[in-house]
Protein backbone atom coordinates (compact mmCIF):
# COMPACT_ATOMS: atom_id res chain seq x y z
CA MET A 1 69.34 40.99 153.19
CA PRO A 2 66.55 43.54 152.74
CA ASP A 3 63.53 42.66 150.63
CA MET A 4 64.50 43.66 147.09
CA PRO A 5 61.96 45.14 144.68
CA LEU A 6 60.95 43.04 141.69
CA HIS A 7 62.70 45.27 139.15
CA HIS A 8 66.09 43.77 140.02
CA ALA A 9 67.51 41.30 137.46
CA ALA A 10 65.45 38.12 137.70
CA PHE A 11 66.09 34.62 136.38
CA ASP A 12 64.14 31.38 136.11
CA LEU A 13 67.19 29.39 137.21
CA ALA A 14 70.38 30.66 138.86
CA GLY A 15 73.41 28.49 139.42
CA LEU A 16 75.89 28.77 142.28
CA GLY A 17 79.22 27.86 140.72
CA ALA A 18 80.19 27.08 137.12
CA GLY A 19 82.08 23.82 137.38
CA PRO A 20 81.41 21.13 134.76
CA PHE A 21 78.05 20.06 136.23
CA ASN A 22 76.45 23.50 136.29
CA LEU A 23 78.22 24.34 133.03
CA SER A 24 76.43 21.37 131.47
CA ILE A 25 73.08 22.82 132.56
CA ALA A 26 74.08 26.22 131.20
CA ALA A 27 75.15 24.75 127.85
CA LEU A 28 71.96 22.71 127.39
CA ALA A 29 69.77 25.63 128.40
CA ASP A 30 71.59 27.90 125.95
CA SER A 31 71.16 25.60 122.96
CA HIS A 32 67.77 24.04 123.67
CA VAL A 33 65.82 26.24 126.11
CA PRO A 34 66.66 29.79 124.99
CA THR A 35 63.47 31.16 126.59
CA LEU A 36 64.61 30.00 130.05
CA ARG A 37 66.32 32.92 131.78
CA THR A 38 69.47 31.53 133.42
CA ARG A 39 72.58 32.89 135.08
CA PHE A 40 75.47 30.96 136.60
CA PHE A 41 77.70 32.77 139.07
CA GLU A 42 81.34 31.73 139.41
CA ARG A 43 83.61 33.38 141.97
CA ARG A 44 86.81 32.62 140.03
CA GLU A 45 87.90 34.99 137.28
CA THR A 46 88.54 32.15 134.84
CA LEU A 47 86.96 28.73 134.50
CA SER A 48 89.21 25.81 135.39
CA TRP A 49 88.57 22.26 136.47
CA HIS A 50 90.59 21.02 139.45
CA PRO A 51 93.54 23.26 138.49
CA GLY A 52 95.56 21.87 141.37
CA MET A 53 95.50 18.44 139.72
CA LEU A 54 96.51 19.47 136.19
CA LEU A 55 99.60 17.30 136.10
CA PRO A 56 101.39 15.88 133.04
CA ASP A 57 99.82 12.75 131.56
CA THR A 58 96.70 12.68 133.75
CA HIS A 59 93.43 11.59 132.19
CA LEU A 60 89.72 11.31 132.84
CA GLN A 61 88.11 7.98 133.58
CA THR A 62 85.28 8.53 131.09
CA GLY A 63 85.10 8.68 127.30
CA PHE A 64 84.91 11.92 125.32
CA LEU A 65 81.28 11.39 124.24
CA LYS A 66 80.25 11.85 127.86
CA ASP A 67 80.80 15.56 127.56
CA LEU A 68 78.59 18.42 128.72
CA VAL A 69 75.76 17.84 126.23
CA THR A 70 76.11 15.00 123.73
CA ALA A 71 74.24 12.25 125.60
CA VAL A 72 70.96 14.19 125.42
CA ALA A 73 71.61 16.83 122.73
CA PRO A 74 74.11 15.60 120.12
CA ASP A 75 73.12 18.57 117.94
CA SER A 76 74.31 21.10 120.53
CA PRO A 77 77.06 23.50 119.40
CA HIS A 78 78.69 23.01 122.81
CA SER A 79 79.79 19.40 122.26
CA PHE A 80 83.37 18.19 122.54
CA LEU A 81 83.29 17.17 118.89
CA ASN A 82 82.42 20.74 117.89
CA TYR A 83 85.22 21.96 120.15
CA LEU A 84 87.64 19.77 118.15
CA VAL A 85 86.29 21.04 114.83
CA CYS A 86 86.46 24.68 115.93
CA HIS A 87 90.05 24.16 117.07
CA ARG A 88 90.93 22.44 113.76
CA ARG A 89 92.21 19.24 115.33
CA PHE A 90 89.39 16.75 114.77
CA TYR A 91 91.45 14.41 112.55
CA ARG A 92 94.53 14.48 114.77
CA PHE A 93 92.34 13.64 117.78
CA VAL A 94 90.82 10.70 115.89
CA ASN A 95 94.23 9.49 114.70
CA ALA A 96 95.60 9.63 118.25
CA GLU A 97 93.03 6.94 119.23
CA LEU A 98 92.80 8.30 122.77
CA PRO A 99 90.52 6.17 124.97
CA THR A 100 89.97 9.09 127.35
CA LEU A 101 90.67 12.82 127.42
CA SER A 102 93.59 14.34 129.23
CA ARG A 103 92.65 16.57 132.14
CA ALA A 104 94.34 19.46 130.33
CA GLU A 105 92.22 19.09 127.18
CA PHE A 106 88.99 18.61 129.12
CA SER A 107 89.71 21.71 131.19
CA ASP A 108 90.34 23.68 128.00
CA TYR A 109 87.05 22.39 126.56
CA LEU A 110 85.22 23.67 129.66
CA ARG A 111 86.84 27.09 129.31
CA TRP A 112 85.85 27.18 125.65
CA VAL A 113 82.21 26.38 126.38
CA GLY A 114 82.03 28.81 129.30
CA GLY A 115 83.47 31.58 127.17
CA ARG A 116 80.68 31.11 124.61
CA LEU A 117 77.85 31.36 127.14
CA SER A 118 76.47 34.76 128.11
CA SER A 119 74.71 33.09 131.05
CA VAL A 120 78.03 32.26 132.75
CA GLU A 121 79.39 35.13 134.81
CA THR A 122 82.89 34.76 136.23
CA GLY A 123 84.45 36.85 138.98
CA ASN A 124 81.07 37.42 140.63
CA ALA A 125 80.71 35.45 143.83
CA VAL A 126 77.35 34.89 145.50
CA ARG A 127 77.72 36.19 149.07
CA GLU A 128 74.27 35.42 150.49
CA VAL A 129 71.08 33.68 149.42
CA GLY A 130 67.77 34.45 151.06
CA LEU A 131 64.12 33.74 150.38
CA ASP A 132 61.04 35.93 150.49
CA ARG A 133 57.56 35.84 149.00
CA HIS A 134 58.97 36.59 145.54
CA GLY A 135 61.57 33.79 145.51
CA PHE A 136 65.30 33.50 146.04
CA ARG A 137 67.37 36.64 146.57
CA LEU A 138 71.05 36.59 145.67
CA SER A 139 73.48 39.18 146.93
CA CYS A 140 76.61 39.07 144.76
CA ASP A 141 79.84 41.01 144.37
CA ARG A 142 78.41 42.85 141.40
CA GLY A 143 74.79 43.36 142.27
CA SER A 144 71.62 41.74 143.55
CA TYR A 145 69.45 39.28 141.68
CA ARG A 146 66.29 37.23 141.93
CA ALA A 147 65.73 33.65 140.86
CA ARG A 148 62.76 31.35 140.82
CA HIS A 149 64.94 28.24 141.20
CA LEU A 150 68.56 27.65 142.23
CA CYS A 151 71.08 24.94 141.36
CA LEU A 152 73.89 24.31 143.82
CA GLY A 153 77.07 23.40 141.97
CA THR A 154 79.92 24.72 144.10
CA GLY A 155 81.66 21.35 144.35
CA LYS A 156 83.17 19.63 147.34
CA THR A 157 85.91 20.56 149.77
CA PRO A 158 89.29 18.76 149.88
CA TRP A 159 89.27 16.55 152.99
CA LEU A 160 92.23 15.82 155.26
CA PRO A 161 92.04 13.45 158.23
CA PRO A 162 91.42 15.39 161.44
CA PHE A 163 94.87 14.48 162.76
CA ALA A 164 96.47 16.27 159.79
CA GLU A 165 94.25 19.31 159.46
CA ALA A 166 96.15 21.41 162.03
CA LEU A 167 99.42 20.81 160.16
CA ARG A 168 98.12 21.81 156.77
CA GLY A 169 100.53 23.98 154.83
CA PRO A 170 102.93 24.04 151.86
CA GLN A 171 104.55 20.73 152.92
CA CYS A 172 101.42 19.03 154.28
CA LEU A 173 98.73 19.37 151.67
CA HIS A 174 95.81 17.83 149.85
CA ALA A 175 96.25 16.33 146.38
CA ALA A 176 93.93 18.99 144.95
CA GLU A 177 96.57 21.63 145.77
CA ILE A 178 99.63 19.89 144.36
CA ALA A 179 99.89 21.93 141.13
CA HIS A 180 99.04 25.32 142.63
CA ALA A 181 102.65 26.23 143.46
CA GLU A 182 106.20 25.47 142.37
CA ARG A 183 107.57 22.53 144.34
CA ASP A 184 110.97 20.91 144.73
CA PHE A 185 111.07 17.32 145.97
CA THR A 186 114.76 16.86 145.13
CA GLY A 187 116.35 14.65 147.78
CA LYS A 188 113.31 14.92 150.06
CA ARG A 189 111.31 12.21 151.79
CA VAL A 190 107.83 12.27 150.29
CA ALA A 191 104.80 10.37 151.58
CA ILE A 192 101.50 10.03 149.71
CA VAL A 193 98.40 8.86 151.58
CA GLY A 194 95.43 7.53 149.61
CA GLY A 195 95.18 4.68 147.13
CA GLY A 196 92.84 6.07 144.46
CA GLN A 197 93.45 7.67 141.07
CA SER A 198 94.71 10.97 142.51
CA GLY A 199 97.29 9.15 144.62
CA ALA A 200 98.41 7.19 141.56
CA ASP A 201 98.74 10.32 139.42
CA ILE A 202 100.89 12.04 142.05
CA PHE A 203 103.03 8.97 142.67
CA ILE A 204 103.73 8.52 138.94
CA ASN A 205 104.69 12.19 138.54
CA ALA A 206 106.90 12.09 141.63
CA LEU A 207 108.52 8.85 140.44
CA ARG A 208 109.30 10.47 137.10
CA GLY A 209 110.89 13.48 138.81
CA HIS A 210 108.28 16.04 137.81
CA TRP A 211 109.17 17.99 140.98
CA GLY A 212 112.76 16.74 141.14
CA GLN A 213 113.71 13.21 142.18
CA PRO A 214 112.80 12.50 145.82
CA GLY A 215 115.27 10.84 148.11
CA GLU A 216 112.49 8.56 149.34
CA LEU A 217 108.94 8.06 148.07
CA ASN A 218 106.31 6.13 150.06
CA TRP A 219 102.73 5.56 148.92
CA LEU A 220 100.35 4.37 151.64
CA SER A 221 96.87 3.04 151.04
CA ARG A 222 94.37 1.51 153.45
CA ARG A 223 93.11 -0.66 150.59
CA ARG A 224 94.35 -4.23 150.39
CA ASN A 225 96.14 -3.54 147.14
CA PHE A 226 96.45 -0.88 144.48
CA GLN A 227 93.23 -1.89 142.84
CA PRO A 228 91.98 -1.22 139.31
CA LEU A 229 88.90 0.68 138.33
CA ASP A 230 86.31 -1.80 137.11
CA GLU A 231 85.40 -0.35 133.73
CA THR A 232 84.09 -3.46 132.02
CA ALA A 233 80.90 -3.33 129.98
CA PHE A 234 78.45 -4.78 132.48
CA THR A 235 79.85 -2.74 135.35
CA ASN A 236 79.36 0.35 133.22
CA GLU A 237 75.62 -0.39 133.23
CA TYR A 238 75.69 1.22 136.69
CA PHE A 239 76.36 4.47 134.82
CA THR A 240 73.12 4.54 132.86
CA PRO A 241 69.89 6.49 133.37
CA GLU A 242 67.94 3.22 133.70
CA TYR A 243 70.00 2.03 136.65
CA THR A 244 70.18 5.47 138.30
CA ARG A 245 66.42 6.01 138.17
CA GLY A 246 65.76 2.62 139.68
CA PHE A 247 68.44 3.08 142.34
CA HIS A 248 66.77 6.22 143.64
CA GLY A 249 63.60 4.24 144.37
CA LEU A 250 65.32 1.66 146.55
CA PRO A 251 65.10 1.70 150.37
CA GLY A 252 67.88 3.71 151.97
CA SER A 253 69.53 0.69 153.62
CA ILE A 254 69.74 -1.12 150.28
CA ARG A 255 71.20 1.95 148.59
CA GLU A 256 73.93 2.15 151.24
CA GLN A 257 74.73 -1.52 150.77
CA GLU A 258 74.98 -1.17 146.99
CA VAL A 259 77.14 1.98 147.07
CA ALA A 260 79.64 0.21 149.35
CA ALA A 261 79.72 -2.90 147.14
CA GLN A 262 80.31 -0.86 143.96
CA LYS A 263 83.33 1.09 145.23
CA LEU A 264 85.79 -0.05 142.56
CA ALA A 265 83.35 0.76 139.78
CA SER A 266 83.96 4.46 140.47
CA ASP A 267 86.91 4.76 142.83
CA GLY A 268 89.71 2.57 141.54
CA ILE A 269 92.83 3.34 139.48
CA THR A 270 92.62 3.05 135.72
CA PRO A 271 94.28 -0.14 134.43
CA ALA A 272 96.35 2.04 132.07
CA ALA A 273 97.79 4.00 134.99
CA LEU A 274 98.56 0.83 136.93
CA GLN A 275 100.29 -0.71 133.91
CA THR A 276 102.32 2.47 133.37
CA LEU A 277 103.32 2.51 137.02
CA TYR A 278 104.33 -1.14 137.13
CA ARG A 279 106.45 -0.83 133.99
CA GLU A 280 108.14 2.30 135.33
CA LEU A 281 109.00 0.55 138.61
CA TYR A 282 110.27 -2.53 136.76
CA HIS A 283 112.49 -0.50 134.46
CA ARG A 284 114.00 1.64 137.20
CA PHE A 285 114.54 -0.88 139.96
CA ASP A 286 114.87 -4.19 138.16
CA VAL A 287 116.39 -3.33 134.78
CA LEU A 288 118.48 -0.30 135.73
CA GLY A 289 119.14 -1.57 139.23
CA GLU A 290 118.40 1.64 141.13
CA ALA A 291 118.16 1.33 144.89
CA ARG A 292 114.49 1.04 145.86
CA TRP A 293 113.83 4.59 146.96
CA ALA A 294 110.12 4.25 146.04
CA ARG A 295 107.79 1.90 147.93
CA LEU A 296 104.14 0.92 147.56
CA LEU A 297 102.57 0.24 150.95
CA PRO A 298 99.00 -1.11 150.79
CA HIS A 299 96.87 -2.18 153.76
CA ARG A 300 98.12 0.73 155.88
CA GLN A 301 95.67 2.96 157.71
CA ALA A 302 97.24 6.33 158.48
CA THR A 303 96.45 7.10 162.12
CA ALA A 304 98.58 10.07 163.19
CA LEU A 305 100.80 12.86 161.92
CA THR A 306 103.10 14.93 164.10
CA ARG A 307 105.88 17.43 163.62
CA HIS A 308 109.30 15.80 163.76
CA GLY A 309 112.25 18.13 163.40
CA PRO A 310 111.87 20.13 160.19
CA GLY A 311 109.51 17.52 158.76
CA TYR A 312 106.76 15.14 159.88
CA ARG A 313 106.29 11.72 161.40
CA LEU A 314 103.45 9.69 159.89
CA THR A 315 102.11 6.72 161.82
CA SER A 316 100.09 3.90 160.28
CA GLU A 317 98.51 0.64 161.35
CA HIS A 318 98.91 -2.47 159.22
CA GLY A 319 95.62 -4.02 158.16
CA LEU A 320 96.69 -7.64 158.53
CA GLY A 321 98.26 -7.78 161.97
CA GLY A 322 97.72 -4.32 163.41
CA GLU A 323 101.44 -3.55 163.51
CA ARG A 324 102.36 0.09 163.99
CA GLU A 325 104.70 1.62 161.40
CA VAL A 326 106.34 5.02 161.37
CA PHE A 327 107.45 7.00 158.32
CA ASP A 328 109.48 10.19 158.45
CA ALA A 329 108.74 12.65 155.68
CA ASP A 330 109.59 16.16 154.56
CA VAL A 331 106.44 16.38 152.42
CA VAL A 332 103.10 14.64 153.05
CA ILE A 333 100.36 14.64 150.40
CA PHE A 334 96.87 13.43 151.25
CA ALA A 335 94.90 12.03 148.31
CA THR A 336 91.99 11.45 150.64
CA GLY A 337 89.01 12.68 148.67
CA PHE A 338 86.48 15.42 149.24
CA ALA A 339 83.74 16.29 151.71
CA THR A 340 80.33 17.73 151.01
CA THR A 341 79.85 21.17 152.53
CA LEU A 342 77.25 23.85 151.93
CA PRO A 343 78.70 27.16 150.75
CA GLU A 344 78.57 29.97 153.30
CA CYS A 345 76.17 31.94 151.12
CA LEU A 346 73.43 29.36 151.85
CA ALA A 347 73.69 29.79 155.62
CA PRO A 348 70.32 31.62 155.84
CA LEU A 349 68.61 28.56 154.30
CA ALA A 350 70.73 25.75 155.75
CA GLY A 351 68.32 24.94 158.58
CA ARG A 352 65.47 24.47 156.12
CA LEU A 353 67.20 21.74 154.09
CA GLU A 354 66.48 18.11 154.97
CA ARG A 355 69.54 15.97 155.76
CA ASP A 356 70.06 12.23 156.06
CA ALA A 357 71.88 10.38 158.84
CA ARG A 358 75.27 11.31 157.34
CA GLY A 359 74.35 14.97 157.13
CA GLU A 360 74.01 14.81 153.34
CA LEU A 361 71.25 16.62 151.47
CA VAL A 362 68.19 14.52 150.71
CA LEU A 363 67.42 14.68 146.98
CA GLY A 364 64.26 13.90 145.08
CA ALA A 365 64.12 12.03 141.79
CA HIS A 366 64.85 15.22 139.82
CA PHE A 367 67.85 16.20 141.97
CA GLU A 368 65.80 18.74 143.91
CA THR A 369 66.63 19.10 147.58
CA ARG A 370 63.90 18.35 150.08
CA TRP A 371 63.23 21.39 152.21
CA ASP A 372 60.43 23.24 153.98
CA GLY A 373 60.28 26.05 151.42
CA PRO A 374 57.53 26.75 148.89
CA ALA A 375 57.03 24.07 146.23
CA ASP A 376 57.25 26.58 143.39
CA HIS A 377 60.80 27.58 144.36
CA ARG A 378 63.22 24.66 144.15
CA LEU A 379 66.87 24.24 145.02
CA TYR A 380 68.57 21.60 142.87
CA ALA A 381 71.95 20.12 143.72
CA VAL A 382 74.57 18.41 141.55
CA ASN A 383 77.38 16.18 142.83
CA ALA A 384 75.42 15.71 146.04
CA GLY A 385 73.51 12.48 145.48
CA ARG A 386 75.91 9.54 145.67
CA HIS A 387 73.77 7.92 148.37
CA SER A 388 70.45 8.80 146.74
CA HIS A 389 71.20 8.25 143.03
CA GLY A 390 74.21 5.92 143.11
CA ILE A 391 77.89 5.92 142.26
CA ALA A 392 77.37 7.66 138.91
CA GLU A 393 76.21 10.87 140.60
CA PRO A 394 79.66 12.39 141.39
CA GLN A 395 81.06 11.22 138.03
CA LEU A 396 81.04 12.94 134.65
CA SER A 397 79.33 9.97 132.97
CA LEU A 398 75.70 11.05 133.48
CA MET A 399 76.05 14.80 133.83
CA ALA A 400 74.26 15.63 130.54
CA TRP A 401 71.34 13.35 131.46
CA ARG A 402 71.15 14.83 134.97
CA SER A 403 71.26 18.36 133.54
CA ALA A 404 68.40 17.53 131.18
CA THR A 405 66.43 15.99 134.06
CA ILE A 406 66.82 19.21 136.07
CA LEU A 407 65.91 21.42 133.12
CA ASN A 408 62.80 19.36 132.31
CA HIS A 409 61.70 19.68 135.92
CA ALA A 410 62.48 23.39 136.18
CA CYS A 411 60.61 24.09 132.92
CA GLY A 412 57.65 21.93 133.90
CA ARG A 413 57.68 20.21 130.52
CA GLU A 414 59.65 17.64 128.55
CA VAL A 415 62.23 19.74 126.75
CA PHE A 416 64.50 16.71 126.43
CA ASP A 417 63.20 13.22 125.64
CA LEU A 418 64.78 11.08 128.37
CA GLY A 419 62.83 7.91 127.70
CA ASP A 420 64.97 4.78 127.76
CA GLU A 421 64.81 1.32 126.28
CA ALA A 422 65.47 -1.40 128.85
CA GLY A 423 69.09 -2.51 128.90
CA PRO A 424 70.50 -6.05 128.87
CA ILE A 425 70.43 -6.52 132.65
CA ALA A 426 67.25 -7.19 134.63
CA TRP A 427 68.14 -5.35 137.85
CA GLN A 428 64.80 -5.97 139.55
CA PRO A 429 62.41 -8.94 139.66
CA LEU A 430 60.90 -9.18 136.19
CA ALA A 431 57.42 -8.22 137.36
CA GLU A 432 58.82 -4.88 138.54
CA ARG A 433 61.19 -4.21 135.66
CA SER A 434 58.85 -1.98 133.70
CA ALA A 435 58.54 0.32 136.70
CA TRP A 436 62.33 0.28 137.23
CA ALA A 437 63.01 1.31 133.63
CA ARG A 438 60.22 3.86 133.32
CA ALA A 439 61.37 7.39 132.51
CA ILE A 440 60.75 10.08 135.08
């Protein structure tokens, strides 16, 4: 990219992507830091949140108060409560007594907020990011821009096991793609791999015949059982600013140990979904006496996938005795999570970003990446700090607090008061607790 003159459009903070995390920053900046010049570039023409997973009766795992802004700016006009009022359904929402939002309603809320923000620009992809003496240079579909700071919010990439990647297609797909096209499972052998919430949502919809009733439905998970999300009160203390700040200051080896131990606090299946599933299975196969065409298969590690006739042959290894099992399927769906990848537009800067042993970005306390660039030009990253800030980092729970942390740092002043009273749990030795709880 050639060195652009300073008269090109310039911003204090530019965002790559306008998913919920960057949208939270945009909303808070709009309502509380109007003097901060921001622009968030989204390649898609319309804002949508995991559109490939917008299935019937699927819900978030967090409460509606953990929206884009409320936790740090309850007076913001971009809150979910204001969304309800503006859509004239506040009382019906309250009367419904919903513990969590549906994915459909949350996605509509994001579209509503994005449509109100002049700083969010859809249909304008960032093609390349460079750096010169004046700061970051962005080459986009609809022009060139400058920015003092950047925030990376392009999300993660659906991950398939290497043995399945070469077979990827309409009948061998990731869970994130399931709702992108019309599908017909009628009479087909369907296999789902992955025992988390996405796998549960797809299994329930397939069981109910959302895509037509399968002839056979197998759900494999390497976990020992189909395990519930731990959403009890004390476990939810992991999802607080106090815990997250302290976690970042721990040695790397301890952070790794804690993230592994806390898996079911962020990566289980909601008890409501498990109860729904169990009741559905009981009614169909015990009360109505249907032949058991649907099977739950925990403790199976998928190890291979090959073409077999017009379909596939999926091989797994049993976790108890190592037995090899083979499943024939016409459709295979991998609910196997997401991988962190840098967008192609950051290729000119990729070699300057510090990585940890897993290849993940190394983040400072304010979610700024560590790199060899000038200190007065920072690159922040959201949904990139699970191993630096804890299990709350990829979740929606703390996004408003994280957004406010980034904005305070980018502005160089305390726009948002993020001070915290100590919670009920003493996470560190008492002599160190004041340091653990201290606000950044």
